[in-house]
Amino acid sequence: MSSEHVLTIERAGLLLKLLGDPTRLTMMKILQSQDCCVCEFVAIFEMSQPAISQHVRKLKDVGLVKEDRCGQWIFYSLQKNHQDIEFVMTILNQLPDQSSVITELEAQGLRISCT
């Protein structure tokens, strides 16, 4: 971690609590390599759209996730210049790759593309 930014115990606790939820942690791992929209997360996690939106909102509220509009779709991605991204990436880099989830989504024809 950069010596310029010292993470407080309180801030680390907040981030760990946020990432302590398996759904949000998996979302972050997916977003580490892929942008996704809410409808894709709905299909991946087999959860309701409002439930997924609440998870995404919590990640957005602390600034870990940003949104970009592409036509009618809103895609979410990691905020790579977030002040605590090194701490978060240290955690994410310890987790198994989730690319098979995206491959399965593509195979089901549920992957959204703006291209």
C-alpha atoms as a PDB file:
ATOM      1  CA  MET A   1       0.000   0.000   0.000  1.00  0.00           C
ATOM      2  CA  SER A   2       1.205   3.516  -0.776  1.00  0.00           C
ATOM      3  CA  SER A   3       2.901   5.348   2.078  1.00  0.00           C
ATOM      4  CA  GLU A   4       0.954   8.478   1.083  1.00  0.00           C
ATOM      5  CA  HIS A   5      -2.387   6.973   2.104  1.00  0.00           C
ATOM      6  CA  VAL A   6      -2.760   5.402   5.515  1.00  0.00           C
ATOM      7  CA  LEU A   7      -5.933   3.444   6.008  1.00  0.00           C
ATOM      8  CA  THR A   8      -7.511   3.956   9.421  1.00  0.00           C
ATOM      9  CA  ILE A   9      -8.798   1.021  11.445  1.00  0.00           C
ATOM     10  CA  GLU A  10     -12.311   2.483  11.165  1.00  0.00           C
ATOM     11  CA  ARG A  11     -12.075   2.775   7.365  1.00  0.00           C
ATOM     12  CA  ALA A  12     -10.646  -0.735   7.042  1.00  0.00           C
ATOM     13  CA  GLY A  13     -13.473  -2.018   9.237  1.00  0.00           C
ATOM     14  CA  LEU A  14     -16.064  -0.309   7.028  1.00  0.00           C
ATOM     15  CA  LEU A  15     -14.549  -1.791   3.868  1.00  0.00           C
ATOM     16  CA  LEU A  16     -14.208  -5.251   5.389  1.00  0.00           C
ATOM     17  CA  LYS A  17     -17.814  -5.148   6.585  1.00  0.00           C
ATOM     18  CA  LEU A  18     -18.938  -4.103   3.110  1.00  0.00           C
ATOM     19  CA  LEU A  19     -16.890  -6.861   1.479  1.00  0.00           C
ATOM     20  CA  GLY A  20     -17.918  -9.350   4.162  1.00  0.00           C
ATOM     21  CA  ASP A  21     -21.125 -10.005   2.251  1.00  0.00           C
ATOM     22  CA  PRO A  22     -20.480 -12.873  -0.219  1.00  0.00           C
ATOM     23  CA  THR A  23     -22.667 -11.297  -2.926  1.00  0.00           C
ATOM     24  CA  ARG A  24     -20.867  -7.941  -2.802  1.00  0.00           C
ATOM     25  CA  LEU A  25     -17.487  -9.638  -2.583  1.00  0.00           C
ATOM     26  CA  THR A  26     -18.282 -11.735  -5.663  1.00  0.00           C
ATOM     27  CA  MET A  27     -19.575  -8.643  -7.481  1.00  0.00           C
ATOM     28  CA  MET A  28     -16.307  -6.868  -6.774  1.00  0.00           C
ATOM     29  CA  LYS A  29     -14.285  -9.866  -7.970  1.00  0.00           C
ATOM     30  CA  ILE A  30     -16.302  -9.954 -11.212  1.00  0.00           C
ATOM     31  CA  LEU A  31     -15.903  -6.190 -11.642  1.00  0.00           C
ATOM     32  CA  GLN A  32     -12.162  -6.577 -11.211  1.00  0.00           C
ATOM     33  CA  SER A  33     -12.078  -7.892 -14.790  1.00  0.00           C
ATOM     34  CA  GLN A  34     -15.513  -7.195 -16.318  1.00  0.00           C
ATOM     35  CA  ASP A  35     -17.996  -4.342 -16.364  1.00  0.00           C
ATOM     36  CA  CYS A  36     -21.544  -5.527 -15.637  1.00  0.00           C
ATOM     37  CA  CYS A  37     -25.058  -4.173 -15.522  1.00  0.00           C
ATOM     38  CA  VAL A  38     -27.637  -4.919 -12.847  1.00  0.00           C
ATOM     39  CA  CYS A  39     -29.556  -7.295 -15.117  1.00  0.00           C
ATOM     40  CA  GLU A  40     -26.412  -9.407 -15.528  1.00  0.00           C
ATOM     41  CA  PHE A  41     -25.952  -9.544 -11.765  1.00  0.00           C
ATOM     42  CA  VAL A  42     -29.619 -10.559 -11.443  1.00  0.00           C
ATOM     43  CA  ALA A  43     -28.934 -13.519 -13.737  1.00  0.00           C
ATOM     44  CA  ILE A  44     -25.621 -14.415 -12.079  1.00  0.00           C
ATOM     45  CA  PHE A  45     -26.891 -14.351  -8.498  1.00  0.00           C
ATOM     46  CA  GLU A  46     -30.497 -15.361  -9.238  1.00  0.00           C
ATOM     47  CA  MET A  47     -31.695 -12.523  -7.026  1.00  0.00           C
ATOM     48  CA  SER A  48     -34.312  -9.839  -7.541  1.00  0.00           C
ATOM     49  CA  GLN A  49     -33.361  -6.611  -9.271  1.00  0.00           C
ATOM     50  CA  PRO A  50     -34.108  -4.521  -6.142  1.00  0.00           C
ATOM     51  CA  ALA A  51     -31.845  -6.762  -4.028  1.00  0.00           C
ATOM     52  CA  ILE A  52     -29.001  -6.489  -6.548  1.00  0.00           C
ATOM     53  CA  SER A  53     -29.503  -2.736  -6.804  1.00  0.00           C
ATOM     54  CA  GLN A  54     -29.132  -2.431  -3.021  1.00  0.00           C
ATOM     55  CA  HIS A  55     -25.812  -4.290  -3.128  1.00  0.00           C
ATOM     56  CA  VAL A  56     -24.560  -2.095  -5.985  1.00  0.00           C
ATOM     57  CA  ARG A  57     -25.746   1.053  -4.182  1.00  0.00           C
ATOM     58  CA  LYS A  58     -23.725   0.141  -1.087  1.00  0.00           C
ATOM     59  CA  LEU A  59     -20.603  -0.297  -3.219  1.00  0.00           C
ATOM     60  CA  LYS A  60     -21.299   2.987  -5.018  1.00  0.00           C
ATOM     61  CA  ASP A  61     -21.943   4.851  -1.759  1.00  0.00           C
ATOM     62  CA  VAL A  62     -18.366   4.253  -0.609  1.00  0.00           C
ATOM     63  CA  GLY A  63     -17.033   4.987  -4.091  1.00  0.00           C
ATOM     64  CA  LEU A  64     -15.677   1.532  -4.917  1.00  0.00           C
ATOM     65  CA  VAL A  65     -17.932   1.215  -7.954  1.00  0.00           C
ATOM     66  CA  LYS A  66     -18.746   3.726 -10.666  1.00  0.00           C
ATOM     67  CA  GLU A  67     -21.418   3.693 -13.340  1.00  0.00           C
ATOM     68  CA  ASP A  68     -21.239   4.485 -17.040  1.00  0.00           C
ATOM     69  CA  ARG A  69     -24.255   4.801 -19.315  1.00  0.00           C
ATOM     70  CA  CYS A  70     -24.196   3.064 -22.685  1.00  0.00           C
ATOM     71  CA  GLY A  71     -27.462   3.536 -24.546  1.00  0.00           C
ATOM     72  CA  GLN A  72     -30.238   2.245 -22.321  1.00  0.00           C
ATOM     73  CA  TRP A  73     -27.833   0.299 -20.114  1.00  0.00           C
ATOM     74  CA  ILE A  74     -25.887   1.376 -17.063  1.00  0.00           C
ATOM     75  CA  PHE A  75     -22.658  -0.563 -16.609  1.00  0.00           C
ATOM     76  CA  TYR A  76     -20.806  -0.776 -13.326  1.00  0.00           C
ATOM     77  CA  SER A  77     -17.057  -1.045 -12.945  1.00  0.00           C
ATOM     78  CA  LEU A  78     -14.421  -0.729 -10.242  1.00  0.00           C
ATOM     79  CA  GLN A  79     -13.380   2.808  -9.381  1.00  0.00           C
ATOM     80  CA  LYS A  80      -9.688   2.161 -10.001  1.00  0.00           C
ATOM     81  CA  ASN A  81      -8.562   5.501  -8.627  1.00  0.00           C
ATOM     82  CA  HIS A  82     -10.400   5.068  -5.303  1.00  0.00           C
ATOM     83  CA  GLN A  83      -8.226   6.036  -2.328  1.00  0.00           C
ATOM     84  CA  ASP A  84      -8.530   2.532  -0.836  1.00  0.00           C
ATOM     85  CA  ILE A  85      -8.297   0.496  -4.043  1.00  0.00           C
ATOM     86  CA  GLU A  86      -4.923  -1.045  -3.135  1.00  0.00           C
ATOM     87  CA  PHE A  87      -6.405  -2.459   0.075  1.00  0.00           C
ATOM     88  CA  VAL A  88      -9.446  -3.790  -1.796  1.00  0.00           C
ATOM     89  CA  MET A  89      -7.329  -5.261  -4.611  1.00  0.00           C
ATOM     90  CA  THR A  90      -5.175  -7.071  -2.040  1.00  0.00           C
ATOM     91  CA  ILE A  91      -8.333  -8.859  -0.908  1.00  0.00           C
ATOM     92  CA  LEU A  92      -9.703  -9.466  -4.408  1.00  0.00           C
ATOM     93  CA  ASN A  93      -6.395 -10.884  -5.616  1.00  0.00           C
ATOM     94  CA  GLN A  94      -6.687 -13.650  -3.016  1.00  0.00           C
ATOM     95  CA  LEU A  95     -10.017 -14.867  -4.454  1.00  0.00           C
ATOM     96  CA  PRO A  96     -10.698 -17.403  -7.227  1.00  0.00           C
ATOM     97  CA  ASP A  97     -11.203 -16.106 -10.744  1.00  0.00           C
ATOM     98  CA  GLN A  98     -14.860 -15.569 -11.678  1.00  0.00           C
ATOM     99  CA  SER A  99     -14.499 -15.504 -15.485  1.00  0.00           C
ATOM    100  CA  SER A 100     -16.469 -18.761 -15.748  1.00  0.00           C
ATOM    101  CA  VAL A 101     -19.510 -16.884 -14.423  1.00  0.00           C
ATOM    102  CA  ILE A 102     -19.283 -14.454 -17.345  1.00  0.00           C
ATOM    103  CA  THR A 103     -18.675 -17.313 -19.796  1.00  0.00           C
ATOM    104  CA  GLU A 104     -21.838 -19.033 -18.520  1.00  0.00           C
ATOM    105  CA  LEU A 105     -23.784 -15.782 -18.844  1.00  0.00           C
ATOM    106  CA  GLU A 106     -22.614 -15.461 -22.464  1.00  0.00           C
ATOM    107  CA  ALA A 107     -23.567 -19.094 -23.169  1.00  0.00           C
ATOM    108  CA  GLN A 108     -27.079 -18.381 -21.872  1.00  0.00           C
ATOM    109  CA  GLY A 109     -27.309 -15.326 -24.161  1.00  0.00           C
ATOM    110  CA  LEU A 110     -27.678 -13.029 -21.158  1.00  0.00           C
ATOM    111  CA  ARG A 111     -24.533 -10.933 -21.601  1.00  0.00           C
ATOM    112  CA  ILE A 112     -25.250  -7.307 -22.497  1.00  0.00           C
ATOM    113  CA  SER A 113     -23.042  -5.576 -25.030  1.00  0.00           C
ATOM    114  CA  CYS A 114     -23.078  -2.022 -26.308  1.00  0.00           C
ATOM    115  CA  THR A 115     -20.856  -2.763 -29.268  1.00  0.00           C
END
